[in-house]
Each structure stands twice: as structure tokens, then as C-alpha cells.
Amino acid sequence: MKTIGSIIYLREGSQKLMIINRVPIVDIDNQKYIFDYSARAR
């Protein structure tokens, strides 16, 4: 499990991402989706 604040690269990626949340629940088209992590470009 990655900790919040971890800097990662996606597979074959060239951009750094920082983990900012774990298990976010996102509403897309009136359906709820659960993700493992959320991140932002660093």
C-alpha cells in the first residue's frame, strides 16, 4: 500500500504523480465508483 504523499510513475510513464487520497468514491453519470488511489500530477 502506498502512503499519501508518495511520488510514483505509472507503468511506462514519464510524469510524476503524487498520491493524495486512498479509496475515493467518485460519482460518474449517477453511478458511484470506488478507486484504490487518487493522484495529481507533480
N, C-alpha and C. Protein backbone atom coordinates (compact mmCIF):
# COMPACT_ATOMS: atom_id res chain seq x y z
N MET A 1 0.85 -1.17 0.00
CA MET A 1 0.00 0.00 0.00
C MET A 1 0.89 1.24 0.00
N LYS A 2 0.59 2.15 -0.88
CA LYS A 2 1.33 3.41 -0.95
C LYS A 2 0.78 4.38 0.10
N THR A 3 1.66 5.19 0.64
CA THR A 3 1.22 6.18 1.62
C THR A 3 0.89 7.49 0.92
N ILE A 4 0.03 8.28 1.54
CA ILE A 4 -0.31 9.59 1.00
C ILE A 4 0.96 10.43 0.96
N GLY A 5 1.18 11.08 -0.17
CA GLY A 5 2.40 11.86 -0.37
C GLY A 5 3.46 11.13 -1.16
N SER A 6 3.26 9.82 -1.41
CA SER A 6 4.22 9.05 -2.21
C SER A 6 4.26 9.59 -3.64
N ILE A 7 5.45 9.64 -4.22
CA ILE A 7 5.63 10.04 -5.62
C ILE A 7 5.81 8.76 -6.43
N ILE A 8 5.01 8.62 -7.49
CA ILE A 8 5.05 7.40 -8.30
C ILE A 8 5.08 7.76 -9.78
N TYR A 9 5.46 6.78 -10.60
CA TYR A 9 5.31 6.84 -12.05
C TYR A 9 4.36 5.73 -12.44
N LEU A 10 3.45 5.98 -13.38
CA LEU A 10 2.64 4.90 -13.92
C LEU A 10 3.51 4.06 -14.83
N ARG A 11 3.10 2.85 -15.11
CA ARG A 11 3.86 1.96 -15.97
C ARG A 11 4.16 2.66 -17.30
N GLU A 12 5.41 2.71 -17.67
CA GLU A 12 5.90 3.37 -18.89
C GLU A 12 5.57 4.86 -18.93
N GLY A 13 5.35 5.45 -17.78
CA GLY A 13 5.01 6.87 -17.71
C GLY A 13 6.24 7.75 -17.59
N SER A 14 6.08 9.00 -17.97
CA SER A 14 7.20 9.94 -17.87
C SER A 14 6.87 11.09 -16.92
N GLN A 15 5.67 11.08 -16.34
CA GLN A 15 5.25 12.17 -15.46
C GLN A 15 5.11 11.65 -14.03
N LYS A 16 5.61 12.43 -13.09
CA LYS A 16 5.48 12.06 -11.68
C LYS A 16 4.05 12.33 -11.20
N LEU A 17 3.54 11.44 -10.35
CA LEU A 17 2.24 11.62 -9.72
C LEU A 17 2.41 11.51 -8.22
N MET A 18 1.63 12.29 -7.47
CA MET A 18 1.67 12.21 -6.01
C MET A 18 0.34 11.67 -5.52
N ILE A 19 0.39 10.62 -4.70
CA ILE A 19 -0.81 10.03 -4.11
C ILE A 19 -1.41 11.06 -3.15
N ILE A 20 -2.70 11.39 -3.34
CA ILE A 20 -3.33 12.38 -2.46
C ILE A 20 -4.52 11.82 -1.69
N ASN A 21 -4.96 10.59 -2.03
CA ASN A 21 -6.15 10.04 -1.38
C ASN A 21 -6.17 8.54 -1.57
N ARG A 22 -6.75 7.84 -0.62
CA ARG A 22 -6.96 6.39 -0.75
C ARG A 22 -8.44 6.09 -0.70
N VAL A 23 -8.88 5.18 -1.54
CA VAL A 23 -10.26 4.70 -1.64
C VAL A 23 -11.26 5.85 -1.83
N PRO A 24 -11.02 6.72 -2.84
CA PRO A 24 -12.01 7.76 -3.12
C PRO A 24 -13.25 7.15 -3.77
N ILE A 25 -14.41 7.71 -3.48
CA ILE A 25 -15.66 7.30 -4.12
C ILE A 25 -16.07 8.46 -5.03
N VAL A 26 -16.18 8.16 -6.33
CA VAL A 26 -16.42 9.18 -7.34
C VAL A 26 -17.76 8.92 -8.01
N ASP A 27 -18.55 9.98 -8.17
CA ASP A 27 -19.85 9.87 -8.84
C ASP A 27 -19.66 10.24 -10.31
N ILE A 28 -19.88 9.28 -11.21
CA ILE A 28 -19.76 9.50 -12.65
C ILE A 28 -21.06 9.04 -13.29
N ASP A 29 -21.76 9.96 -13.96
CA ASP A 29 -23.04 9.65 -14.62
C ASP A 29 -24.01 8.94 -13.67
N ASN A 30 -24.16 9.49 -12.48
CA ASN A 30 -25.09 8.97 -11.46
C ASN A 30 -24.77 7.56 -11.00
N GLN A 31 -23.53 7.12 -11.16
CA GLN A 31 -23.08 5.84 -10.61
C GLN A 31 -21.86 6.10 -9.75
N LYS A 32 -21.75 5.40 -8.65
CA LYS A 32 -20.61 5.57 -7.76
C LYS A 32 -19.54 4.53 -8.09
N TYR A 33 -18.30 5.00 -8.19
CA TYR A 33 -17.15 4.15 -8.48
C TYR A 33 -16.15 4.30 -7.34
N ILE A 34 -15.56 3.20 -6.93
CA ILE A 34 -14.55 3.20 -5.88
C ILE A 34 -13.20 2.90 -6.52
N PHE A 35 -12.21 3.75 -6.26
CA PHE A 35 -10.87 3.58 -6.80
C PHE A 35 -9.91 3.25 -5.66
N ASP A 36 -8.77 2.66 -6.00
CA ASP A 36 -7.76 2.34 -4.99
C ASP A 36 -7.07 3.61 -4.48
N TYR A 37 -6.72 4.51 -5.41
CA TYR A 37 -6.00 5.73 -5.07
C TYR A 37 -6.47 6.87 -5.96
N SER A 38 -6.19 8.09 -5.54
CA SER A 38 -6.28 9.23 -6.44
C SER A 38 -4.94 9.95 -6.35
N ALA A 39 -4.58 10.63 -7.44
CA ALA A 39 -3.27 11.28 -7.50
C ALA A 39 -3.39 12.55 -8.32
N ARG A 40 -2.38 13.38 -8.20
CA ARG A 40 -2.32 14.58 -9.03
C ARG A 40 -0.94 14.65 -9.66
N ALA A 41 -0.88 15.32 -10.81
CA ALA A 41 0.40 15.48 -11.50
C ALA A 41 1.31 16.34 -10.64
N ARG A 42 2.55 15.99 -10.62
CA ARG A 42 3.52 16.69 -9.79
C ARG A 42 4.43 17.49 -10.65
